[in-house]
Amino acid sequence: MKDCFSEMCVEIHVSVTDMAERFYSELRRRYYTTPTSYLELINLYLAMLGEKRQQLVAARDRVKNGLTKLLETNVLVDKMKIDLSALEPVLKQKSIDVNALMGKLAVDQESADMVGIEWS
């Protein structure tokens, strides 16, 4: 990382010198670079680096939270599958009971209709 950073500083130094010469040749005005200019460049780089690190940490945390939620959801779904498997026989029995009750209600309704006809 240090090697890349030092190469970047050299490249910037050379390009600023070239642009200063071009500035002078086109506008006949001098542009001077001082050590403070390079210190500002380094501070800018460090600030941008810190900002990018914060963005990466925030993105990592979002992915981590999403993954945690997915894992929690998978555990809940597995538990619900087990509960559903355990309740399946009860549901079948309740369905049979409801069908029997519906048949009994139909018979009772017919009886009630017959009694209603006799009263008329």
PDB file of N, CA and C in Angstrom:
ATOM      1  N   MET A   1       0.832  -1.187   0.000  1.00  0.00           N
ATOM      2  CA  MET A   1       0.000   0.000   0.000  1.00  0.00           C
ATOM      3  C   MET A   1       0.877   1.251   0.000  1.00  0.00           C
ATOM      4  N   LYS A   2       1.961   1.203   0.787  1.00  0.00           N
ATOM      5  CA  LYS A   2       2.852   2.360   0.843  1.00  0.00           C
ATOM      6  C   LYS A   2       3.511   2.607  -0.513  1.00  0.00           C
ATOM      7  N   ASP A   3       3.890   1.518  -1.192  1.00  0.00           N
ATOM      8  CA  ASP A   3       4.522   1.674  -2.504  1.00  0.00           C
ATOM      9  C   ASP A   3       3.558   2.331  -3.492  1.00  0.00           C
ATOM     10  N   CYS A   4       2.310   1.877  -3.487  1.00  0.00           N
ATOM     11  CA  CYS A   4       1.311   2.455  -4.399  1.00  0.00           C
ATOM     12  C   CYS A   4       1.065   3.920  -4.060  1.00  0.00           C
ATOM     13  N   PHE A   5       1.019   4.219  -2.769  1.00  0.00           N
ATOM     14  CA  PHE A   5       0.770   5.597  -2.351  1.00  0.00           C
ATOM     15  C   PHE A   5       1.938   6.497  -2.763  1.00  0.00           C
ATOM     16  N   SER A   6       3.156   6.018  -2.579  1.00  0.00           N
ATOM     17  CA  SER A   6       4.314   6.836  -2.961  1.00  0.00           C
ATOM     18  C   SER A   6       4.375   7.016  -4.473  1.00  0.00           C
ATOM     19  N   GLU A   7       4.044   5.985  -5.244  1.00  0.00           N
ATOM     20  CA  GLU A   7       3.993   6.126  -6.706  1.00  0.00           C
ATOM     21  C   GLU A   7       2.934   7.141  -7.115  1.00  0.00           C
ATOM     22  N   MET A   8       1.790   7.123  -6.427  1.00  0.00           N
ATOM     23  CA  MET A   8       0.729   8.078  -6.729  1.00  0.00           C
ATOM     24  C   MET A   8       1.210   9.507  -6.451  1.00  0.00           C
ATOM     25  N   CYS A   9       1.910   9.707  -5.343  1.00  0.00           N
ATOM     26  CA  CYS A   9       2.417  11.042  -5.013  1.00  0.00           C
ATOM     27  C   CYS A   9       3.421  11.522  -6.055  1.00  0.00           C
ATOM     28  N   VAL A  10       4.294  10.633  -6.501  1.00  0.00           N
ATOM     29  CA  VAL A  10       5.264  11.001  -7.544  1.00  0.00           C
ATOM     30  C   VAL A  10       4.528  11.374  -8.830  1.00  0.00           C
ATOM     31  N   GLU A  11       3.548  10.570  -9.206  1.00  0.00           N
ATOM     32  CA  GLU A  11       2.773  10.842 -10.422  1.00  0.00           C
ATOM     33  C   GLU A  11       2.070  12.191 -10.329  1.00  0.00           C
ATOM     34  N   ILE A  12       1.498  12.480  -9.185  1.00  0.00           N
ATOM     35  CA  ILE A  12       0.817  13.769  -9.005  1.00  0.00           C
ATOM     36  C   ILE A  12       1.826  14.907  -9.072  1.00  0.00           C
ATOM     37  N   HIS A  13       2.987  14.734  -8.443  1.00  0.00           N
ATOM     38  CA  HIS A  13       4.027  15.772  -8.469  1.00  0.00           C
ATOM     39  C   HIS A  13       4.457  16.070  -9.902  1.00  0.00           C
ATOM     40  N   VAL A  14       4.699  15.024 -10.669  1.00  0.00           N
ATOM     41  CA  VAL A  14       5.122  15.202 -12.055  1.00  0.00           C
ATOM     42  C   VAL A  14       4.011  15.856 -12.879  1.00  0.00           C
ATOM     43  N   SER A  15       2.781  15.393 -12.701  1.00  0.00           N
ATOM     44  CA  SER A  15       1.681  15.956 -13.493  1.00  0.00           C
ATOM     45  C   SER A  15       1.403  17.411 -13.111  1.00  0.00           C
ATOM     46  N   VAL A  16       1.559  17.761 -11.825  1.00  0.00           N
ATOM     47  CA  VAL A  16       1.367  19.164 -11.421  1.00  0.00           C
ATOM     48  C   VAL A  16       2.461  20.037 -12.031  1.00  0.00           C
ATOM     49  N   THR A  17       3.679  19.541 -12.042  1.00  0.00           N
ATOM     50  CA  THR A  17       4.773  20.294 -12.659  1.00  0.00           C
ATOM     51  C   THR A  17       4.509  20.495 -14.148  1.00  0.00           C
ATOM     52  N   ASP A  18       4.088  19.453 -14.835  1.00  0.00           N
ATOM     53  CA  ASP A  18       3.771  19.562 -16.268  1.00  0.00           C
ATOM     54  C   ASP A  18       2.623  20.539 -16.503  1.00  0.00           C
ATOM     55  N   MET A  19       1.597  20.470 -15.693  1.00  0.00           N
ATOM     56  CA  MET A  19       0.459  21.372 -15.868  1.00  0.00           C
ATOM     57  C   MET A  19       0.834  22.812 -15.533  1.00  0.00           C
ATOM     58  N   ALA A  20       1.732  23.003 -14.565  1.00  0.00           N
ATOM     59  CA  ALA A  20       2.188  24.360 -14.234  1.00  0.00           C
ATOM     60  C   ALA A  20       2.943  24.964 -15.417  1.00  0.00           C
ATOM     61  N   GLU A  21       3.765  24.144 -16.077  1.00  0.00           N
ATOM     62  CA  GLU A  21       4.483  24.627 -17.273  1.00  0.00           C
ATOM     63  C   GLU A  21       3.507  24.936 -18.401  1.00  0.00           C
ATOM     64  N   ARG A  22       2.523  24.095 -18.577  1.00  0.00           N
ATOM     65  CA  ARG A  22       1.503  24.349 -19.606  1.00  0.00           C
ATOM     66  C   ARG A  22       0.713  25.617 -19.280  1.00  0.00           C
ATOM     67  N   PHE A  23       0.387  25.807 -18.028  1.00  0.00           N
ATOM     68  CA  PHE A  23      -0.345  26.987 -17.572  1.00  0.00           C
ATOM     69  C   PHE A  23       0.464  28.247 -17.895  1.00  0.00           C
ATOM     70  N   TYR A  24       1.792  28.158 -17.639  1.00  0.00           N
ATOM     71  CA  TYR A  24       2.656  29.298 -17.928  1.00  0.00           C
ATOM     72  C   TYR A  24       2.749  29.557 -19.429  1.00  0.00           C
ATOM     73  N   SER A  25       2.867  28.499 -20.212  1.00  0.00           N
ATOM     74  CA  SER A  25       3.015  28.680 -21.657  1.00  0.00           C
ATOM     75  C   SER A  25       1.731  29.215 -22.292  1.00  0.00           C
ATOM     76  N   GLU A  26       0.576  28.863 -21.760  1.00  0.00           N
ATOM     77  CA  GLU A  26      -0.687  29.326 -22.341  1.00  0.00           C
ATOM     78  C   GLU A  26      -1.120  30.687 -21.812  1.00  0.00           C
ATOM     79  N   LEU A  27      -0.945  30.939 -20.523  1.00  0.00           N
ATOM     80  CA  LEU A  27      -1.473  32.162 -19.912  1.00  0.00           C
ATOM     81  C   LEU A  27      -0.390  33.116 -19.403  1.00  0.00           C
ATOM     82  N   ARG A  28       0.844  32.686 -19.491  1.00  0.00           N
ATOM     83  CA  ARG A  28       1.966  33.480 -19.016  1.00  0.00           C
ATOM     84  C   ARG A  28       1.824  33.866 -17.537  1.00  0.00           C
ATOM     85  N   ARG A  29       1.315  32.900 -16.774  1.00  0.00           N
ATOM     86  CA  ARG A  29       1.204  33.087 -15.333  1.00  0.00           C
ATOM     87  C   ARG A  29       1.883  31.906 -14.658  1.00  0.00           C
ATOM     88  N   ARG A  30       2.578  32.209 -13.587  1.00  0.00           N
ATOM     89  CA  ARG A  30       3.273  31.154 -12.847  1.00  0.00           C
ATOM     90  C   ARG A  30       2.335  30.532 -11.821  1.00  0.00           C
ATOM     91  N   TYR A  31       2.521  29.234 -11.635  1.00  0.00           N
ATOM     92  CA  TYR A  31       1.804  28.506 -10.582  1.00  0.00           C
ATOM     93  C   TYR A  31       2.872  27.795  -9.767  1.00  0.00           C
ATOM     94  N   TYR A  32       2.844  28.037  -8.476  1.00  0.00           N
ATOM     95  CA  TYR A  32       3.853  27.459  -7.602  1.00  0.00           C
ATOM     96  C   TYR A  32       3.221  26.399  -6.706  1.00  0.00           C
ATOM     97  N   THR A  33       3.917  25.298  -6.582  1.00  0.00           N
ATOM     98  CA  THR A  33       3.467  24.269  -5.655  1.00  0.00           C
ATOM     99  C   THR A  33       4.384  24.313  -4.444  1.00  0.00           C
ATOM    100  N   THR A  34       3.783  24.174  -3.292  1.00  0.00           N
ATOM    101  CA  THR A  34       4.539  24.224  -2.041  1.00  0.00           C
ATOM    102  C   THR A  34       4.373  22.907  -1.304  1.00  0.00           C
ATOM    103  N   PRO A  35       5.198  22.684  -0.310  1.00  0.00           N
ATOM    104  CA  PRO A  35       5.022  21.460   0.479  1.00  0.00           C
ATOM    105  C   PRO A  35       3.621  21.385   1.102  1.00  0.00           C
ATOM    106  N   THR A  36       3.044  22.532   1.422  1.00  0.00           N
ATOM    107  CA  THR A  36       1.699  22.536   1.988  1.00  0.00           C
ATOM    108  C   THR A  36       0.696  21.942   1.000  1.00  0.00           C
ATOM    109  N   SER A  37       0.911  22.205  -0.294  1.00  0.00           N
ATOM    110  CA  SER A  37       0.021  21.640  -1.319  1.00  0.00           C
ATOM    111  C   SER A  37       0.035  20.122  -1.251  1.00  0.00           C
ATOM    112  N   TYR A  38       1.219  19.557  -1.083  1.00  0.00           N
ATOM    113  CA  TYR A  38       1.323  18.103  -1.021  1.00  0.00           C
ATOM    114  C   TYR A  38       0.766  17.562   0.296  1.00  0.00           C
ATOM    115  N   LEU A  39       0.947  18.302   1.377  1.00  0.00           N
ATOM    116  CA  LEU A  39       0.362  17.880   2.647  1.00  0.00           C
ATOM    117  C   LEU A  39      -1.162  17.902   2.554  1.00  0.00           C
ATOM    118  N   GLU A  40      -1.721  18.893   1.887  1.00  0.00           N
ATOM    119  CA  GLU A  40      -3.172  18.947   1.678  1.00  0.00           C
ATOM    120  C   GLU A  40      -3.633  17.770   0.834  1.00  0.00           C
ATOM    121  N   LEU A  41      -2.831  17.421  -0.178  1.00  0.00           N
ATOM    122  CA  LEU A  41      -3.156  16.261  -1.013  1.00  0.00           C
ATOM    123  C   LEU A  41      -3.199  14.995  -0.164  1.00  0.00           C
ATOM    124  N   ILE A  42      -2.223  14.824   0.689  1.00  0.00           N
ATOM    125  CA  ILE A  42      -2.190  13.636   1.542  1.00  0.00           C
ATOM    126  C   ILE A  42      -3.374  13.637   2.507  1.00  0.00           C
ATOM    127  N   ASN A  43      -3.690  14.802   3.082  1.00  0.00           N
ATOM    128  CA  ASN A  43      -4.843  14.883   3.986  1.00  0.00           C
ATOM    129  C   ASN A  43      -6.147  14.584   3.247  1.00  0.00           C
ATOM    130  N   LEU A  44      -6.260  15.064   2.021  1.00  0.00           N
ATOM    131  CA  LEU A  44      -7.448  14.771   1.214  1.00  0.00           C
ATOM    132  C   LEU A  44      -7.549  13.275   0.952  1.00  0.00           C
ATOM    133  N   TYR A  45      -6.431  12.670   0.594  1.00  0.00           N
ATOM    134  CA  TYR A  45      -6.413  11.232   0.345  1.00  0.00           C
ATOM    135  C   TYR A  45      -6.837  10.463   1.598  1.00  0.00           C
ATOM    136  N   LEU A  46      -6.281  10.854   2.752  1.00  0.00           N
ATOM    137  CA  LEU A  46      -6.626  10.165   4.002  1.00  0.00           C
ATOM    138  C   LEU A  46      -8.101  10.349   4.350  1.00  0.00           C
ATOM    139  N   ALA A  47      -8.636  11.540   4.098  1.00  0.00           N
ATOM    140  CA  ALA A  47     -10.057  11.778   4.366  1.00  0.00           C
ATOM    141  C   ALA A  47     -10.929  10.913   3.457  1.00  0.00           C
ATOM    142  N   MET A  48     -10.575  10.855   2.179  1.00  0.00           N
ATOM    143  CA  MET A  48     -11.341  10.030   1.237  1.00  0.00           C
ATOM    144  C   MET A  48     -11.222   8.548   1.592  1.00  0.00           C
ATOM    145  N   LEU A  49     -10.046   8.141   2.002  1.00  0.00           N
ATOM    146  CA  LEU A  49      -9.839   6.749   2.405  1.00  0.00           C
ATOM    147  C   LEU A  49     -10.701   6.406   3.620  1.00  0.00           C
ATOM    148  N   GLY A  50     -10.741   7.303   4.599  1.00  0.00           N
ATOM    149  CA  GLY A  50     -11.578   7.086   5.771  1.00  0.00           C
ATOM    150  C   GLY A  50     -13.051   7.007   5.417  1.00  0.00           C
ATOM    151  N   GLU A  51     -13.475   7.857   4.504  1.00  0.00           N
ATOM    152  CA  GLU A  51     -14.881   7.850   4.062  1.00  0.00           C
ATOM    153  C   GLU A  51     -15.225   6.539   3.370  1.00  0.00           C
ATOM    154  N   LYS A  52     -14.345   6.078   2.506  1.00  0.00           N
ATOM    155  CA  LYS A  52     -14.578   4.803   1.811  1.00  0.00           C
ATOM    156  C   LYS A  52     -14.603   3.639   2.797  1.00  0.00           C
ATOM    157  N   ARG A  53     -13.740   3.696   3.789  1.00  0.00           N
ATOM    158  CA  ARG A  53     -13.736   2.628   4.793  1.00  0.00           C
ATOM    159  C   ARG A  53     -15.060   2.599   5.545  1.00  0.00           C
ATOM    160  N   GLN A  54     -15.580   3.780   5.890  1.00  0.00           N
ATOM    161  CA  GLN A  54     -16.870   3.837   6.574  1.00  0.00           C
ATOM    162  C   GLN A  54     -17.979   3.281   5.692  1.00  0.00           C
ATOM    163  N   GLN A  55     -17.942   3.606   4.398  1.00  0.00           N
ATOM    164  CA  GLN A  55     -18.950   3.079   3.476  1.00  0.00           C
ATOM    165  C   GLN A  55     -18.864   1.560   3.402  1.00  0.00           C
ATOM    166  N   LEU A  56     -17.647   1.037   3.347  1.00  0.00           N
ATOM    167  CA  LEU A  56     -17.476  -0.416   3.281  1.00  0.00           C
ATOM    168  C   LEU A  56     -17.947  -1.095   4.568  1.00  0.00           C
ATOM    169  N   VAL A  57     -17.668  -0.485   5.703  1.00  0.00           N
ATOM    170  CA  VAL A  57     -18.121  -1.049   6.982  1.00  0.00           C
ATOM    171  C   VAL A  57     -19.647  -1.050   7.037  1.00  0.00           C
ATOM    172  N   ALA A  58     -20.263   0.056   6.574  1.00  0.00           N
ATOM    173  CA  ALA A  58     -21.731   0.130   6.570  1.00  0.00           C
ATOM    174  C   ALA A  58     -22.314  -0.929   5.638  1.00  0.00           C
ATOM    175  N   ALA A  59     -21.721  -1.103   4.466  1.00  0.00           N
ATOM    176  CA  ALA A  59     -22.204  -2.119   3.522  1.00  0.00           C
ATOM    177  C   ALA A  59     -22.021  -3.520   4.105  1.00  0.00           C
ATOM    178  N   ARG A  60     -20.883  -3.746   4.744  1.00  0.00           N
ATOM    179  CA  ARG A  60     -20.637  -5.052   5.363  1.00  0.00           C
ATOM    180  C   ARG A  60     -21.664  -5.331   6.455  1.00  0.00           C
ATOM    181  N   ASP A  61     -21.957  -4.318   7.254  1.00  0.00           N
ATOM    182  CA  ASP A  61     -22.938  -4.489   8.334  1.00  0.00           C
ATOM    183  C   ASP A  61     -24.332  -4.775   7.777  1.00  0.00           C
ATOM    184  N   ARG A  62     -24.689  -4.110   6.669  1.00  0.00           N
ATOM    185  CA  ARG A  62     -26.001  -4.375   6.063  1.00  0.00           C
ATOM    186  C   ARG A  62     -26.082  -5.813   5.563  1.00  0.00           C
ATOM    187  N   VAL A  63     -25.022  -6.280   4.923  1.00  0.00           N
ATOM    188  CA  VAL A  63     -25.007  -7.667   4.431  1.00  0.00           C
ATOM    189  C   VAL A  63     -25.050  -8.644   5.601  1.00  0.00           C
ATOM    190  N   LYS A  64     -24.299  -8.343   6.646  1.00  0.00           N
ATOM    191  CA  LYS A  64     -24.271  -9.214   7.824  1.00  0.00           C
ATOM    192  C   LYS A  64     -25.648  -9.273   8.473  1.00  0.00           C
ATOM    193  N   ASN A  65     -26.307  -8.130   8.613  1.00  0.00           N
ATOM    194  CA  ASN A  65     -27.647  -8.108   9.207  1.00  0.00           C
ATOM    195  C   ASN A  65     -28.644  -8.873   8.334  1.00  0.00           C
ATOM    196  N   GLY A  66     -28.547  -8.695   7.014  1.00  0.00           N
ATOM    197  CA  GLY A  66     -29.432  -9.427   6.111  1.00  0.00           C
ATOM    198  C   GLY A  66     -29.230 -10.927   6.209  1.00  0.00           C
ATOM    199  N   LEU A  67     -27.979 -11.338   6.279  1.00  0.00           N
ATOM    200  CA  LEU A  67     -27.671 -12.766   6.404  1.00  0.00           C
ATOM    201  C   LEU A  67     -28.197 -13.315   7.727  1.00  0.00           C
ATOM    202  N   THR A  68     -28.049 -12.547   8.794  1.00  0.00           N
ATOM    203  CA  THR A  68     -28.564 -12.971  10.102  1.00  0.00           C
ATOM    204  C   THR A  68     -30.079 -13.145  10.034  1.00  0.00           C
ATOM    205  N   LYS A  69     -30.769 -12.190   9.406  1.00  0.00           N
ATOM    206  CA  LYS A  69     -32.232 -12.283   9.282  1.00  0.00           C
ATOM    207  C   LYS A  69     -32.624 -13.508   8.464  1.00  0.00           C
ATOM    208  N   LEU A  70     -31.889 -13.797   7.385  1.00  0.00           N
ATOM    209  CA  LEU A  70     -32.186 -14.979   6.571  1.00  0.00           C
ATOM    210  C   LEU A  70     -32.007 -16.264   7.386  1.00  0.00           C
ATOM    211  N   LEU A  71     -30.945 -16.329   8.160  1.00  0.00           N
ATOM    212  CA  LEU A  71     -30.712 -17.521   8.973  1.00  0.00           C
ATOM    213  C   LEU A  71     -31.806 -17.682  10.033  1.00  0.00           C
ATOM    214  N   GLU A  72     -32.208 -16.567  10.661  1.00  0.00           N
ATOM    215  CA  GLU A  72     -33.289 -16.635  11.644  1.00  0.00           C
ATOM    216  C   GLU A  72     -34.591 -17.089  10.994  1.00  0.00           C
ATOM    217  N   THR A  73     -34.851 -16.583   9.803  1.00  0.00           N
ATOM    218  CA  THR A  73     -36.066 -16.971   9.082  1.00  0.00           C
ATOM    219  C   THR A  73     -36.040 -18.447   8.723  1.00  0.00           C
ATOM    220  N   ASN A  74     -34.887 -18.953   8.301  1.00  0.00           N
ATOM    221  CA  ASN A  74     -34.770 -20.377   7.982  1.00  0.00           C
ATOM    222  C   ASN A  74     -35.058 -21.241   9.205  1.00  0.00           C
ATOM    223  N   VAL A  75     -34.577 -20.826  10.367  1.00  0.00           N
ATOM    224  CA  VAL A  75     -34.844 -21.572  11.602  1.00  0.00           C
ATOM    225  C   VAL A  75     -36.343 -21.566  11.895  1.00  0.00           C
ATOM    226  N   LEU A  76     -36.994 -20.397  11.753  1.00  0.00           N
ATOM    227  CA  LEU A  76     -38.433 -20.314  12.002  1.00  0.00           C
ATOM    228  C   LEU A  76     -39.228 -21.170  11.021  1.00  0.00           C
ATOM    229  N   VAL A  77     -38.828 -21.165   9.755  1.00  0.00           N
ATOM    230  CA  VAL A  77     -39.529 -21.970   8.749  1.00  0.00           C
ATOM    231  C   VAL A  77     -39.381 -23.458   9.067  1.00  0.00           C
ATOM    232  N   ASP A  78     -38.188 -23.873   9.452  1.00  0.00           N
ATOM    233  CA  ASP A  78     -37.981 -25.280   9.822  1.00  0.00           C
ATOM    234  C   ASP A  78     -38.854 -25.665  11.007  1.00  0.00           C
ATOM    235  N   LYS A  79     -38.949 -24.774  12.005  1.00  0.00           N
ATOM    236  CA  LYS A  79     -39.790 -25.041  13.178  1.00  0.00           C
ATOM    237  C   LYS A  79     -41.258 -25.130  12.765  1.00  0.00           C
ATOM    238  N   MET A  80     -41.694 -24.244  11.880  1.00  0.00           N
ATOM    239  CA  MET A  80     -43.086 -24.268  11.417  1.00  0.00           C
ATOM    240  C   MET A  80     -43.386 -25.538  10.632  1.00  0.00           C
ATOM    241  N   LYS A  81     -42.415 -26.035   9.861  1.00  0.00           N
ATOM    242  CA  LYS A  81     -42.606 -27.289   9.130  1.00  0.00           C
ATOM    243  C   LYS A  81     -42.805 -28.447  10.100  1.00  0.00           C
ATOM    244  N   ILE A  82     -42.011 -28.454  11.159  1.00  0.00           N
ATOM    245  CA  ILE A  82     -42.144 -29.517  12.165  1.00  0.00           C
ATOM    246  C   ILE A  82     -43.504 -29.427  12.843  1.00  0.00           C
ATOM    247  N   ASP A  83     -43.908 -28.199  13.206  1.00  0.00           N
ATOM    248  CA  ASP A  83     -45.219 -28.009  13.842  1.00  0.00           C
ATOM    249  C   ASP A  83     -46.351 -28.448  12.909  1.00  0.00           C
ATOM    250  N   LEU A  84     -46.235 -28.108  11.637  1.00  0.00           N
ATOM    251  CA  LEU A  84     -47.261 -28.481  10.663  1.00  0.00           C
ATOM    252  C   LEU A  84     -47.330 -30.001  10.499  1.00  0.00           C
ATOM    253  N   SER A  85     -46.175 -30.643  10.462  1.00  0.00           N
ATOM    254  CA  SER A  85     -46.159 -32.107  10.368  1.00  0.00           C
ATOM    255  C   SER A  85     -46.822 -32.733  11.592  1.00  0.00           C
ATOM    256  N   ALA A  86     -46.580 -32.142  12.760  1.00  0.00           N
ATOM    257  CA  ALA A  86     -47.182 -32.678  13.986  1.00  0.00           C
ATOM    258  C   ALA A  86     -48.694 -32.447  13.993  1.00  0.00           C
ATOM    259  N   LEU A  87     -49.159 -31.368  13.409  1.00  0.00           N
ATOM    260  CA  LEU A  87     -50.591 -31.048  13.416  1.00  0.00           C
ATOM    261  C   LEU A  87     -51.371 -31.697  12.274  1.00  0.00           C
ATOM    262  N   GLU A  88     -50.682 -32.266  11.308  1.00  0.00           N
ATOM    263  CA  GLU A  88     -51.364 -32.831  10.138  1.00  0.00           C
ATOM    264  C   GLU A  88     -52.387 -33.911  10.499  1.00  0.00           C
ATOM    265  N   PRO A  89     -52.069 -34.858  11.373  1.00  0.00           N
ATOM    266  CA  PRO A  89     -53.084 -35.856  11.736  1.00  0.00           C
ATOM    267  C   PRO A  89     -54.289 -35.216  12.432  1.00  0.00           C
ATOM    268  N   VAL A  90     -54.043 -34.222  13.266  1.00  0.00           N
ATOM    269  CA  VAL A  90     -55.136 -33.534  13.956  1.00  0.00           C
ATOM    270  C   VAL A  90     -56.018 -32.821  12.933  1.00  0.00           C
ATOM    271  N   LEU A  91     -55.387 -32.185  11.946  1.00  0.00           N
ATOM    272  CA  LEU A  91     -56.158 -31.483  10.907  1.00  0.00           C
ATOM    273  C   LEU A  91     -57.002 -32.459  10.093  1.00  0.00           C
ATOM    274  N   LYS A  92     -56.439 -33.632   9.773  1.00  0.00           N
ATOM    275  CA  LYS A  92     -57.208 -34.637   9.035  1.00  0.00           C
ATOM    276  C   LYS A  92     -58.418 -35.090   9.846  1.00  0.00           C
ATOM    277  N   GLN A  93     -58.205 -35.341  11.143  1.00  0.00           N
ATOM    278  CA  GLN A  93     -59.303 -35.770  12.006  1.00  0.00           C
ATOM    279  C   GLN A  93     -60.366 -34.685  12.102  1.00  0.00           C
ATOM    280  N   LYS A  94     -59.955 -33.429  12.228  1.00  0.00           N
ATOM    281  CA  LYS A  94     -60.921 -32.327  12.301  1.00  0.00           C
ATOM    282  C   LYS A  94     -61.716 -32.221  11.004  1.00  0.00           C
ATOM    283  N   SER A  95     -61.058 -32.464   9.888  1.00  0.00           N
ATOM    284  CA  SER A  95     -61.748 -32.431   8.602  1.00  0.00           C
ATOM    285  C   SER A  95     -62.803 -33.528   8.527  1.00  0.00           C
ATOM    286  N   ILE A  96     -62.449 -34.719   8.991  1.00  0.00           N
ATOM    287  CA  ILE A  96     -63.415 -35.834   9.012  1.00  0.00           C
ATOM    288  C   ILE A  96     -64.584 -35.495   9.926  1.00  0.00           C
ATOM    289  N   ASP A  97     -64.282 -34.923  11.108  1.00  0.00           N
ATOM    290  CA  ASP A  97     -65.338 -34.543  12.050  1.00  0.00           C
ATOM    291  C   ASP A  97     -66.267 -33.483  11.451  1.00  0.00           C
ATOM    292  N   VAL A  98     -65.689 -32.513  10.748  1.00  0.00           N
ATOM    293  CA  VAL A  98     -66.504 -31.455  10.126  1.00  0.00           C
ATOM    294  C   VAL A  98     -67.404 -32.053   9.051  1.00  0.00           C
ATOM    295  N   ASN A  99     -66.875 -32.957   8.245  1.00  0.00           N
ATOM    296  CA  ASN A  99     -67.697 -33.599   7.206  1.00  0.00           C
ATOM    297  C   ASN A  99     -68.844 -34.390   7.832  1.00  0.00           C
ATOM    298  N   ALA A 100     -68.569 -35.107   8.930  1.00  0.00           N
ATOM    299  CA  ALA A 100     -69.630 -35.864   9.620  1.00  0.00           C
ATOM    300  C   ALA A 100     -70.676 -34.910  10.186  1.00  0.00           C
ATOM    301  N   LEU A 101     -70.237 -33.806  10.767  1.00  0.00           N
ATOM    302  CA  LEU A 101     -71.150 -32.817  11.316  1.00  0.00           C
ATOM    303  C   LEU A 101     -72.004 -32.193  10.225  1.00  0.00           C
ATOM    304  N   MET A 102     -71.406 -31.932   9.071  1.00  0.00           N
ATOM    305  CA  MET A 102     -72.155 -31.367   7.943  1.00  0.00           C
ATOM    306  C   MET A 102     -73.237 -32.349   7.485  1.00  0.00           C
ATOM    307  N   GLY A 103     -72.898 -33.631   7.453  1.00  0.00           N
ATOM    308  CA  GLY A 103     -73.895 -34.646   7.088  1.00  0.00           C
ATOM    309  C   GLY A 103     -75.031 -34.687   8.108  1.00  0.00           C
ATOM    310  N   LYS A 104     -74.669 -34.636   9.387  1.00  0.00           N
ATOM    311  CA  LYS A 104     -75.688 -34.640  10.442  1.00  0.00           C
ATOM    312  C   LYS A 104     -76.554 -33.398  10.347  1.00  0.00           C
ATOM    313  N   LEU A 105     -75.959 -32.237  10.075  1.00  0.00           N
ATOM    314  CA  LEU A 105     -76.722 -31.000   9.922  1.00  0.00           C
ATOM    315  C   LEU A 105     -77.682 -31.081   8.735  1.00  0.00           C
ATOM    316  N   ALA A 106     -77.249 -31.733   7.660  1.00  0.00           N
ATOM    317  CA  ALA A 106     -78.123 -31.877   6.493  1.00  0.00           C
ATOM    318  C   ALA A 106     -79.340 -32.723   6.859  1.00  0.00           C
ATOM    319  N   VAL A 107     -79.114 -33.807   7.585  1.00  0.00           N
ATOM    320  CA  VAL A 107     -80.227 -34.666   8.024  1.00  0.00           C
ATOM    321  C   VAL A 107     -81.136 -33.889   8.960  1.00  0.00           C
ATOM    322  N   ASP A 108     -80.548 -33.174   9.930  1.00  0.00           N
ATOM    323  CA  ASP A 108     -81.347 -32.378  10.865  1.00  0.00           C
ATOM    324  C   ASP A 108     -82.131 -31.293  10.131  1.00  0.00           C
ATOM    325  N   GLN A 109     -81.547 -30.697   9.118  1.00  0.00           N
ATOM    326  CA  GLN A 109     -82.233 -29.660   8.336  1.00  0.00           C
ATOM    327  C   GLN A 109     -83.443 -30.264   7.613  1.00  0.00           C
ATOM    328  N   GLU A 110     -83.256 -31.446   7.056  1.00  0.00           N
ATOM    329  CA  GLU A 110     -84.375 -32.109   6.380  1.00  0.00           C
ATOM    330  C   GLU A 110     -85.493 -32.405   7.382  1.00  0.00           C
ATOM    331  N   SER A 111     -85.105 -32.861   8.575  1.00  0.00           N
ATOM    332  CA  SER A 111     -86.111 -33.143   9.618  1.00  0.00           C
ATOM    333  C   SER A 111     -86.833 -31.871  10.009  1.00  0.00           C
ATOM    334  N   ALA A 112     -86.075 -30.777  10.154  1.00  0.00           N
ATOM    335  CA  ALA A 112     -86.686 -29.502  10.528  1.00  0.00           C
ATOM    336  C   ALA A 112     -87.606 -29.013   9.419  1.00  0.00           C
ATOM    337  N   ASP A 113     -87.224 -29.218   8.179  1.00  0.00           N
ATOM    338  CA  ASP A 113     -88.084 -28.823   7.067  1.00  0.00           C
ATOM    339  C   ASP A 113     -89.379 -29.625   7.070  1.00  0.00           C
ATOM    340  N   MET A 114     -89.273 -30.910   7.374  1.00  0.00           N
ATOM    341  CA  MET A 114     -90.476 -31.761   7.423  1.00  0.00           C
ATOM    342  C   MET A 114     -91.407 -31.312   8.537  1.00  0.00           C
ATOM    343  N   VAL A 115     -90.843 -30.974   9.688  1.00  0.00           N
ATOM    344  CA  VAL A 115     -91.658 -30.505  10.803  1.00  0.00           C
ATOM    345  C   VAL A 115     -92.288 -29.183  10.442  1.00  0.00           C
ATOM    346  N   GLY A 116     -91.557 -28.318   9.745  1.00  0.00           N
ATOM    347  CA  GLY A 116     -92.084 -27.024   9.322  1.00  0.00           C
ATOM    348  C   GLY A 116     -93.221 -27.189   8.332  1.00  0.00           C
ATOM    349  N   ILE A 117     -93.163 -28.184   7.478  1.00  0.00           N
ATOM    350  CA  ILE A 117     -94.222 -28.436   6.490  1.00  0.00           C
ATOM    351  C   ILE A 117     -95.483 -28.944   7.214  1.00  0.00           C
ATOM    352  N   GLU A 118     -95.254 -29.803   8.236  1.00  0.00           N
ATOM    353  CA  GLU A 118     -96.409 -30.350   8.987  1.00  0.00           C
ATOM    354  C   GLU A 118     -97.127 -29.233   9.744  1.00  0.00           C
ATOM    355  N   TRP A 119     -96.456 -28.250  10.211  1.00  0.00           N
ATOM    356  CA  TRP A 119     -97.066 -27.133  10.958  1.00  0.00           C
ATOM    357  C   TRP A 119     -97.799 -26.189  10.032  1.00  0.00           C
ATOM    358  N   SER A 120     -97.476 -26.207   8.811  1.00  0.00           N
ATOM    359  CA  SER A 120     -98.121 -25.283   7.885  1.00  0.00           C
ATOM    360  C   SER A 120     -99.500 -25.648   7.533  1.00  0.00           C
TER     361      SER A 120
END
